Amino acid sequence: MADPTLIEELGDEMVPLYARFYTVPEVEQLTAFYKTPLGRKMLATMPQLSAESMAISQRVLNPRVNAVLDQFMRAATQSPQ
């Protein structure tokens, strides 16, 4: 993490990524938003919100995915009649 080229390397990768999704004026608007109290709160809470959202998604989706996989496995192991 002490690598002096880290920031440059990240920028080389991230700038094209953001450019695919946002125009320069949109990035400027995002920057302005993240300087507001709500924007700062969003940045501060985003990691926890993302982690909890992922946990909820897994909890809700896993039983459904497992049910589909069970059906698939039962169908695959049944001999053709």
Protein backbone atom coordinates (compact mmCIF):
# COMPACT_ATOMS: atom_id res chain seq x y z
CA MET A 1 0.00 0.00 0.00
CA ALA A 2 3.01 2.29 0.32
CA ASP A 3 3.68 1.94 -3.40
CA PRO A 4 4.04 5.50 -4.75
CA THR A 5 2.53 4.48 -8.11
CA LEU A 6 -0.69 3.15 -6.54
CA ILE A 7 -2.77 6.32 -7.01
CA GLU A 8 -1.60 6.78 -10.58
CA GLU A 9 -2.29 3.14 -11.41
CA LEU A 10 -5.77 3.29 -9.87
CA GLY A 11 -6.50 6.48 -11.79
CA ASP A 12 -5.38 4.88 -15.04
CA GLU A 13 -7.94 2.14 -14.46
CA MET A 14 -10.78 4.09 -12.83
CA VAL A 15 -10.96 7.14 -15.11
CA PRO A 16 -11.91 5.09 -18.20
CA LEU A 17 -14.42 3.13 -16.12
CA TYR A 18 -16.19 6.25 -14.90
CA ALA A 19 -15.94 7.79 -18.39
CA ARG A 20 -17.99 4.86 -19.74
CA PHE A 21 -20.87 5.73 -17.43
CA TYR A 22 -20.62 9.47 -16.72
CA THR A 23 -19.96 12.63 -18.68
CA VAL A 24 -17.57 15.27 -17.34
CA PRO A 25 -20.49 17.53 -16.27
CA GLU A 26 -22.06 14.58 -14.42
CA VAL A 27 -18.80 13.87 -12.59
CA GLU A 28 -18.68 17.56 -11.63
CA GLN A 29 -22.25 17.31 -10.31
CA LEU A 30 -21.36 14.16 -8.35
CA THR A 31 -18.34 15.90 -6.89
CA ALA A 32 -20.50 18.83 -5.81
CA PHE A 33 -23.04 16.44 -4.27
CA TYR A 34 -20.40 14.54 -2.29
CA LYS A 35 -19.29 17.86 -0.77
CA THR A 36 -22.77 18.38 0.72
CA PRO A 37 -23.74 17.00 4.15
CA LEU A 38 -25.95 14.35 2.52
CA GLY A 39 -23.22 13.40 0.07
CA ARG A 40 -20.71 13.02 2.91
CA LYS A 41 -23.24 10.93 4.85
CA MET A 42 -23.79 8.74 1.79
CA LEU A 43 -20.05 8.17 1.39
CA ALA A 44 -19.74 7.34 5.08
CA THR A 45 -22.67 4.91 5.16
CA MET A 46 -22.21 3.32 1.72
CA PRO A 47 -19.86 0.50 2.82
CA GLN A 48 -22.17 -0.61 5.66
CA LEU A 49 -25.27 -0.18 3.49
CA SER A 50 -23.71 -2.25 0.72
CA ALA A 51 -22.64 -5.00 3.13
CA GLU A 52 -26.06 -5.21 4.76
CA SER A 53 -27.83 -5.11 1.38
CA MET A 54 -25.68 -8.00 0.18
CA ALA A 55 -26.47 -10.00 3.31
CA ILE A 56 -30.21 -9.41 2.84
CA SER A 57 -30.00 -10.40 -0.83
CA GLN A 58 -28.17 -13.60 0.03
CA ARG A 59 -30.62 -14.44 2.81
CA VAL A 60 -33.63 -13.90 0.54
CA LEU A 61 -32.20 -15.39 -2.66
CA ASN A 62 -30.25 -18.41 -1.37
CA PRO A 63 -33.32 -20.50 -0.44
CA ARG A 64 -34.81 -19.86 -3.87
CA VAL A 65 -31.57 -20.67 -5.70
CA ASN A 66 -31.15 -23.83 -3.63
CA ALA A 67 -34.71 -24.91 -4.43
CA VAL A 68 -34.08 -24.50 -8.16
CA LEU A 69 -30.78 -26.42 -7.89
CA ASP A 70 -32.52 -29.21 -5.97
CA GLN A 71 -35.17 -29.47 -8.69
CA PHE A 72 -32.49 -29.53 -11.35
CA MET A 73 -30.50 -32.23 -9.55
CA ARG A 74 -33.63 -34.39 -9.02
CA ALA A 75 -34.52 -34.06 -12.70
CA ALA A 76 -30.96 -34.86 -13.77
CA THR A 77 -30.77 -38.00 -11.63
CA GLN A 78 -34.14 -39.42 -12.66
CA SER A 79 -33.82 -42.08 -15.32
CA PRO A 80 -35.63 -41.38 -18.60
CA GLN A 81 -38.88 -43.27 -19.00
